[in-house]
Amino acid sequence: MYEHIVMFKFNKNISPEKEQDLLRQLKKLKGNIPGIIELTAGVNVTEEVENQHGYTLGLRVTFKDKRDLDNYLPHPIHQEFVSSLNSVIDQVIVSDYQI
């Protein structure tokens, strides 16, 4: 199995409503993209502010195998979500690993 972990750091152009909309979009990926076994996403509520570094939204997606992860990345629904970030994203951290 593979985990796909993403942390989003938004710029000052993002409104709280837009961030919530993006969260809703992320949660809809499961059920709409084949190969996703489990998906969780949420707003970062850590009290470790010094370690947050401005990353306010997190995503974890579990896949059965590397093939499913590889098919997820170019999937049109995933790419549509990525495109929706263009005007509001500063940085993204991504980590994929086998479990």
N, C-alpha and C. Protein backbone atom coordinates (compact mmCIF):
# COMPACT_ATOMS: atom_id res chain seq x y z
N MET A 1 0.85 -1.18 0.00
CA MET A 1 0.00 0.00 0.00
C MET A 1 0.89 1.24 0.00
N TYR A 2 0.32 2.35 -0.45
CA TYR A 2 1.05 3.62 -0.52
C TYR A 2 0.24 4.73 0.12
N GLU A 3 0.95 5.61 0.80
CA GLU A 3 0.35 6.82 1.36
C GLU A 3 0.82 8.01 0.53
N HIS A 4 -0.10 8.92 0.30
CA HIS A 4 0.18 10.18 -0.41
C HIS A 4 -0.22 11.28 0.58
N ILE A 5 0.78 12.00 1.08
CA ILE A 5 0.57 13.04 2.09
C ILE A 5 0.85 14.40 1.44
N VAL A 6 -0.06 15.35 1.62
CA VAL A 6 0.10 16.68 1.04
C VAL A 6 -0.24 17.72 2.10
N MET A 7 0.58 18.75 2.19
CA MET A 7 0.31 19.91 3.05
C MET A 7 0.29 21.14 2.16
N PHE A 8 -0.73 21.98 2.33
CA PHE A 8 -0.95 23.16 1.49
C PHE A 8 -0.68 24.43 2.29
N LYS A 9 0.07 25.33 1.68
CA LYS A 9 0.32 26.65 2.25
C LYS A 9 -0.28 27.67 1.28
N PHE A 10 -1.30 28.36 1.73
CA PHE A 10 -2.01 29.29 0.86
C PHE A 10 -1.48 30.71 1.00
N ASN A 11 -1.67 31.50 -0.06
CA ASN A 11 -1.26 32.90 -0.01
C ASN A 11 -2.37 33.76 0.58
N LYS A 12 -2.15 35.03 0.63
CA LYS A 12 -3.10 35.95 1.27
C LYS A 12 -4.38 36.17 0.45
N ASN A 13 -4.40 35.67 -0.80
CA ASN A 13 -5.58 35.82 -1.65
C ASN A 13 -6.71 34.88 -1.26
N ILE A 14 -6.42 33.88 -0.44
CA ILE A 14 -7.45 32.89 -0.14
C ILE A 14 -8.38 33.37 0.97
N SER A 15 -9.65 33.17 0.75
CA SER A 15 -10.64 33.50 1.77
C SER A 15 -10.95 32.22 2.56
N PRO A 16 -11.49 32.36 3.76
CA PRO A 16 -11.88 31.16 4.51
C PRO A 16 -12.90 30.32 3.73
N GLU A 17 -13.76 30.95 2.97
CA GLU A 17 -14.75 30.22 2.17
C GLU A 17 -14.07 29.40 1.08
N LYS A 18 -13.06 29.97 0.43
CA LYS A 18 -12.34 29.25 -0.62
C LYS A 18 -11.59 28.06 -0.02
N GLU A 19 -10.99 28.23 1.15
CA GLU A 19 -10.28 27.13 1.79
C GLU A 19 -11.26 25.99 2.12
N GLN A 20 -12.44 26.33 2.61
CA GLN A 20 -13.45 25.31 2.90
C GLN A 20 -13.93 24.63 1.62
N ASP A 21 -14.04 25.40 0.53
CA ASP A 21 -14.43 24.83 -0.76
C ASP A 21 -13.37 23.83 -1.24
N LEU A 22 -12.10 24.18 -1.09
CA LEU A 22 -11.03 23.27 -1.48
C LEU A 22 -11.06 22.00 -0.64
N LEU A 23 -11.34 22.14 0.64
CA LEU A 23 -11.45 20.99 1.52
C LEU A 23 -12.58 20.07 1.05
N ARG A 24 -13.71 20.64 0.70
CA ARG A 24 -14.83 19.84 0.18
C ARG A 24 -14.44 19.13 -1.12
N GLN A 25 -13.71 19.83 -1.98
CA GLN A 25 -13.26 19.22 -3.24
C GLN A 25 -12.35 18.03 -2.97
N LEU A 26 -11.43 18.20 -2.01
CA LEU A 26 -10.51 17.11 -1.67
C LEU A 26 -11.28 15.88 -1.20
N LYS A 27 -12.24 16.09 -0.33
CA LYS A 27 -13.00 14.96 0.22
C LYS A 27 -13.81 14.23 -0.84
N LYS A 28 -14.14 14.90 -1.93
CA LYS A 28 -14.90 14.28 -3.02
C LYS A 28 -14.02 13.42 -3.94
N LEU A 29 -12.70 13.51 -3.79
CA LEU A 29 -11.82 12.72 -4.65
C LEU A 29 -12.08 11.22 -4.45
N LYS A 30 -12.28 10.82 -3.17
CA LYS A 30 -12.60 9.41 -2.92
C LYS A 30 -14.00 9.16 -3.45
N GLY A 31 -14.13 8.10 -4.18
CA GLY A 31 -15.42 7.78 -4.80
C GLY A 31 -15.50 8.28 -6.23
N ASN A 32 -14.62 9.22 -6.58
CA ASN A 32 -14.60 9.74 -7.95
C ASN A 32 -13.33 9.40 -8.70
N ILE A 33 -12.30 8.96 -7.97
CA ILE A 33 -11.05 8.55 -8.61
C ILE A 33 -10.78 7.11 -8.19
N PRO A 34 -10.70 6.20 -9.16
CA PRO A 34 -10.45 4.80 -8.83
C PRO A 34 -9.12 4.61 -8.11
N GLY A 35 -9.09 3.62 -7.23
CA GLY A 35 -7.85 3.25 -6.56
C GLY A 35 -7.65 3.85 -5.18
N ILE A 36 -8.48 4.83 -4.80
CA ILE A 36 -8.35 5.43 -3.48
C ILE A 36 -9.03 4.51 -2.47
N ILE A 37 -8.26 4.02 -1.52
CA ILE A 37 -8.79 3.15 -0.47
C ILE A 37 -9.34 3.99 0.68
N GLU A 38 -8.56 4.99 1.07
CA GLU A 38 -8.97 5.86 2.18
C GLU A 38 -8.46 7.27 1.89
N LEU A 39 -9.22 8.26 2.33
CA LEU A 39 -8.84 9.65 2.15
C LEU A 39 -9.31 10.44 3.35
N THR A 40 -8.39 11.20 3.93
CA THR A 40 -8.75 12.14 4.98
C THR A 40 -8.14 13.49 4.62
N ALA A 41 -8.85 14.54 4.97
CA ALA A 41 -8.36 15.90 4.71
C ALA A 41 -8.94 16.80 5.78
N GLY A 42 -8.17 17.83 6.15
CA GLY A 42 -8.67 18.74 7.16
C GLY A 42 -7.79 19.95 7.34
N VAL A 43 -8.33 20.90 8.09
CA VAL A 43 -7.62 22.13 8.42
C VAL A 43 -6.66 21.83 9.57
N ASN A 44 -5.45 22.32 9.46
CA ASN A 44 -4.41 22.12 10.46
C ASN A 44 -4.79 22.85 11.75
N VAL A 45 -4.94 22.12 12.84
CA VAL A 45 -5.31 22.71 14.12
C VAL A 45 -4.20 22.55 15.16
N THR A 46 -2.97 22.29 14.71
CA THR A 46 -1.88 22.07 15.64
C THR A 46 -1.66 23.29 16.55
N GLU A 47 -1.31 23.00 17.77
CA GLU A 47 -0.93 24.07 18.71
C GLU A 47 0.56 24.35 18.62
N GLU A 48 1.28 23.57 17.82
CA GLU A 48 2.71 23.76 17.60
C GLU A 48 2.92 24.79 16.49
N VAL A 49 2.52 26.02 16.75
CA VAL A 49 2.53 27.08 15.74
C VAL A 49 3.92 27.25 15.14
N GLU A 50 4.97 27.10 15.94
CA GLU A 50 6.33 27.27 15.43
C GLU A 50 6.70 26.21 14.41
N ASN A 51 5.97 25.09 14.39
CA ASN A 51 6.25 24.02 13.43
C ASN A 51 5.25 23.98 12.27
N GLN A 52 4.28 24.84 12.29
CA GLN A 52 3.25 24.85 11.25
C GLN A 52 3.78 25.44 9.94
N HIS A 53 4.59 26.46 10.02
CA HIS A 53 5.21 27.11 8.85
C HIS A 53 4.20 27.59 7.82
N GLY A 54 2.97 27.89 8.27
CA GLY A 54 1.96 28.45 7.38
C GLY A 54 1.16 27.42 6.61
N TYR A 55 1.40 26.14 6.83
CA TYR A 55 0.65 25.09 6.13
C TYR A 55 -0.65 24.85 6.89
N THR A 56 -1.77 25.12 6.23
CA THR A 56 -3.05 25.14 6.94
C THR A 56 -4.03 24.05 6.52
N LEU A 57 -3.72 23.29 5.47
CA LEU A 57 -4.64 22.25 5.02
C LEU A 57 -3.82 21.00 4.73
N GLY A 58 -4.30 19.86 5.22
CA GLY A 58 -3.59 18.60 5.02
C GLY A 58 -4.45 17.57 4.32
N LEU A 59 -3.80 16.66 3.62
CA LEU A 59 -4.47 15.59 2.88
C LEU A 59 -3.66 14.31 3.04
N ARG A 60 -4.37 13.19 3.28
CA ARG A 60 -3.75 11.87 3.29
C ARG A 60 -4.62 10.94 2.45
N VAL A 61 -3.99 10.31 1.46
CA VAL A 61 -4.70 9.39 0.58
C VAL A 61 -3.96 8.05 0.61
N THR A 62 -4.70 6.96 0.79
CA THR A 62 -4.12 5.63 0.80
C THR A 62 -4.52 4.90 -0.48
N PHE A 63 -3.50 4.29 -1.10
CA PHE A 63 -3.70 3.51 -2.33
C PHE A 63 -3.25 2.08 -2.11
N LYS A 64 -3.86 1.15 -2.85
CA LYS A 64 -3.51 -0.26 -2.74
C LYS A 64 -2.08 -0.51 -3.20
N ASP A 65 -1.68 0.17 -4.27
CA ASP A 65 -0.35 -0.07 -4.82
C ASP A 65 0.15 1.16 -5.57
N LYS A 66 1.38 1.08 -6.03
CA LYS A 66 2.03 2.19 -6.73
C LYS A 66 1.30 2.52 -8.03
N ARG A 67 0.76 1.52 -8.68
CA ARG A 67 0.03 1.75 -9.94
C ARG A 67 -1.16 2.67 -9.70
N ASP A 68 -1.91 2.43 -8.61
CA ASP A 68 -3.06 3.28 -8.31
C ASP A 68 -2.63 4.71 -7.99
N LEU A 69 -1.53 4.86 -7.27
CA LEU A 69 -0.99 6.20 -7.00
C LEU A 69 -0.60 6.87 -8.31
N ASP A 70 0.10 6.14 -9.17
CA ASP A 70 0.53 6.70 -10.45
C ASP A 70 -0.65 7.08 -11.33
N ASN A 71 -1.75 6.35 -11.25
CA ASN A 71 -2.95 6.67 -12.04
C ASN A 71 -3.71 7.87 -11.47
N TYR A 72 -3.59 8.08 -10.18
CA TYR A 72 -4.26 9.19 -9.50
C TYR A 72 -3.72 10.55 -9.94
N LEU A 73 -2.40 10.64 -10.03
CA LEU A 73 -1.76 11.95 -10.28
C LEU A 73 -2.26 12.61 -11.57
N PRO A 74 -2.32 11.91 -12.72
CA PRO A 74 -2.80 12.57 -13.94
C PRO A 74 -4.32 12.52 -14.13
N HIS A 75 -5.03 11.90 -13.21
CA HIS A 75 -6.48 11.75 -13.38
C HIS A 75 -7.12 13.14 -13.57
N PRO A 76 -8.04 13.29 -14.50
CA PRO A 76 -8.65 14.60 -14.79
C PRO A 76 -9.28 15.28 -13.57
N ILE A 77 -9.90 14.53 -12.68
CA ILE A 77 -10.51 15.16 -11.50
C ILE A 77 -9.43 15.70 -10.57
N HIS A 78 -8.33 14.95 -10.42
CA HIS A 78 -7.21 15.45 -9.60
C HIS A 78 -6.59 16.67 -10.26
N GLN A 79 -6.40 16.62 -11.56
CA GLN A 79 -5.81 17.75 -12.27
C GLN A 79 -6.70 18.99 -12.21
N GLU A 80 -8.01 18.79 -12.22
CA GLU A 80 -8.94 19.92 -12.08
C GLU A 80 -8.76 20.58 -10.70
N PHE A 81 -8.60 19.75 -9.66
CA PHE A 81 -8.35 20.30 -8.33
C PHE A 81 -7.03 21.07 -8.31
N VAL A 82 -5.98 20.49 -8.86
CA VAL A 82 -4.67 21.15 -8.89
C VAL A 82 -4.78 22.50 -9.59
N SER A 83 -5.51 22.57 -10.69
CA SER A 83 -5.69 23.83 -11.42
C SER A 83 -6.42 24.87 -10.59
N SER A 84 -7.32 24.42 -9.71
CA SER A 84 -8.07 25.37 -8.89
C SER A 84 -7.21 26.05 -7.84
N LEU A 85 -5.99 25.55 -7.65
CA LEU A 85 -5.07 26.13 -6.66
C LEU A 85 -4.26 27.30 -7.20
N ASN A 86 -4.24 27.48 -8.51
CA ASN A 86 -3.32 28.42 -9.15
C ASN A 86 -3.26 29.80 -8.52
N SER A 87 -4.37 30.40 -8.17
CA SER A 87 -4.34 31.78 -7.68
C SER A 87 -4.22 31.88 -6.17
N VAL A 88 -4.24 30.76 -5.46
CA VAL A 88 -4.28 30.84 -3.99
C VAL A 88 -3.15 30.09 -3.28
N ILE A 89 -2.31 29.39 -4.01
CA ILE A 89 -1.30 28.55 -3.37
C ILE A 89 0.08 29.21 -3.36
N ASP A 90 0.76 29.10 -2.24
CA ASP A 90 2.15 29.55 -2.16
C ASP A 90 3.09 28.36 -2.30
N GLN A 91 2.84 27.32 -1.50
CA GLN A 91 3.70 26.14 -1.53
C GLN A 91 2.89 24.90 -1.19
N VAL A 92 3.42 23.77 -1.65
CA VAL A 92 2.85 22.47 -1.34
C VAL A 92 4.00 21.52 -0.98
N ILE A 93 3.78 20.72 0.04
CA ILE A 93 4.72 19.66 0.38
C ILE A 93 4.01 18.34 0.08
N VAL A 94 4.71 17.45 -0.63
CA VAL A 94 4.14 16.14 -0.97
C VAL A 94 5.12 15.07 -0.53
N SER A 95 4.60 14.01 0.08
CA SER A 95 5.40 12.85 0.44
C SER A 95 4.60 11.60 0.11
N ASP A 96 5.20 10.72 -0.68
CA ASP A 96 4.60 9.43 -1.01
C ASP A 96 5.50 8.35 -0.45
N TYR A 97 4.92 7.38 0.23
CA TYR A 97 5.73 6.29 0.78
C TYR A 97 4.93 5.00 0.85
N GLN A 98 5.67 3.91 0.82
CA GLN A 98 5.05 2.59 0.89
C GLN A 98 4.85 2.21 2.35
N ILE A 99 3.69 1.58 2.64
CA ILE A 99 3.44 1.13 4.01
C ILE A 99 3.25 -0.38 4.03
